[in-house]
Amino acid sequence: AHGVAVDSAEFSGLPTAECRRAITAKLAELGKGGERVNYKLRDWVFSRQRYWGEPIPIYFPVELEPGSTDPRNGDAHRICYET
């Protein structure tokens, strides 16, 4: 973000990088803020869920108990994570 601050009171006319440093210093001086690093780690696959839902089907092998037909209906089953 390159540019010059406009209509920013005492920070007007400052280049963007210098303006950010000046605002951070001013907030620290007033006891209302300070410099801090904020990491936002995102996995591109799972960040897409917000808009389109899970894009990759996740498959877990299922073993049905005797007499069971469909685990989605609550029938007894076991998910095989080892496979």
Protein backbone atom coordinates (compact mmCIF):
# COMPACT_ATOMS: atom_id res chain seq x y z
CA ALA A 1 0.00 0.00 0.00
CA HIS A 2 1.85 3.03 -1.29
CA GLY A 3 0.44 6.50 -1.16
CA VAL A 4 -0.01 9.58 0.97
CA ALA A 5 -2.43 10.06 3.87
CA VAL A 6 -5.24 12.51 3.06
CA ASP A 7 -7.65 14.19 5.51
CA SER A 8 -5.93 12.45 8.42
CA ALA A 9 -5.43 15.38 10.81
CA GLU A 10 -1.83 15.51 12.00
CA PHE A 11 -0.90 12.57 9.75
CA SER A 12 -2.00 14.17 6.45
CA GLY A 13 0.69 14.29 3.82
CA LEU A 14 2.76 11.46 5.29
CA PRO A 15 3.72 8.51 3.09
CA THR A 16 1.75 5.37 3.99
CA ALA A 17 4.59 3.51 5.74
CA GLU A 18 5.57 6.58 7.79
CA CYS A 19 1.91 7.31 8.58
CA ARG A 20 1.39 3.81 9.96
CA ARG A 21 4.43 4.16 12.21
CA ALA A 22 3.30 7.61 13.39
CA ILE A 23 -0.24 6.44 14.18
CA THR A 24 1.10 3.41 16.07
CA ALA A 25 3.45 5.64 18.07
CA LYS A 26 0.61 8.08 18.84
CA LEU A 27 -1.68 5.30 20.07
CA ALA A 28 1.11 3.90 22.25
CA GLU A 29 1.74 7.39 23.66
CA LEU A 30 -1.96 7.72 24.53
CA GLY A 31 -2.00 4.24 26.05
CA LYS A 32 -4.68 3.10 23.60
CA GLY A 33 -2.73 0.71 21.44
CA GLY A 34 0.62 -0.41 20.20
CA GLU A 35 2.50 -2.39 17.64
CA ARG A 36 1.50 -6.02 17.38
CA VAL A 37 1.84 -8.83 14.87
CA ASN A 38 -1.37 -10.63 13.99
CA TYR A 39 -0.95 -13.88 12.08
CA LYS A 40 -3.85 -15.30 10.15
CA LEU A 41 -2.92 -18.74 8.94
CA ARG A 42 -5.33 -20.05 6.39
CA ASP A 43 -5.52 -23.20 4.38
CA TRP A 44 -6.90 -22.31 0.95
CA VAL A 45 -9.03 -25.44 0.79
CA PHE A 46 -10.84 -24.91 4.07
CA SER A 47 -11.11 -21.12 3.73
CA ARG A 48 -13.33 -21.76 0.69
CA GLN A 49 -15.96 -23.34 2.96
CA ARG A 50 -17.31 -19.90 3.82
CA TYR A 51 -18.55 -19.41 0.27
CA TRP A 52 -18.94 -22.82 -1.36
CA GLY A 53 -18.90 -25.43 1.38
CA GLU A 54 -16.38 -28.21 1.73
CA PRO A 55 -14.84 -28.72 -1.73
CA ILE A 56 -13.17 -32.06 -1.01
CA PRO A 57 -15.27 -35.01 0.10
CA ILE A 58 -13.73 -36.77 3.07
CA TYR A 59 -14.17 -40.53 3.01
CA PHE A 60 -14.03 -42.81 6.04
CA PRO A 61 -14.59 -46.53 5.51
CA VAL A 62 -17.55 -47.69 7.59
CA GLU A 63 -18.13 -51.20 8.94
CA LEU A 64 -21.78 -51.97 9.62
CA GLU A 65 -22.83 -54.08 12.58
CA PRO A 66 -24.83 -57.22 11.74
CA GLY A 67 -28.39 -56.28 10.83
CA SER A 68 -27.49 -52.63 10.07
CA THR A 69 -28.22 -51.14 6.68
CA ASP A 70 -27.56 -47.39 6.79
CA PRO A 71 -25.45 -45.52 9.40
CA ARG A 72 -27.09 -42.22 8.35
CA ASN A 73 -30.30 -43.49 9.93
CA GLY A 74 -28.57 -44.21 13.23
CA ASP A 75 -27.83 -47.88 12.56
CA ALA A 76 -24.91 -49.33 14.51
CA HIS A 77 -21.60 -48.87 12.71
CA ARG A 78 -17.88 -48.34 13.22
CA ILE A 79 -15.67 -45.87 11.32
CA CYS A 80 -12.33 -47.41 10.34
CA TYR A 81 -9.73 -44.67 10.72
CA GLU A 82 -6.79 -47.09 10.35
CA THR A 83 -7.46 -47.89 6.69
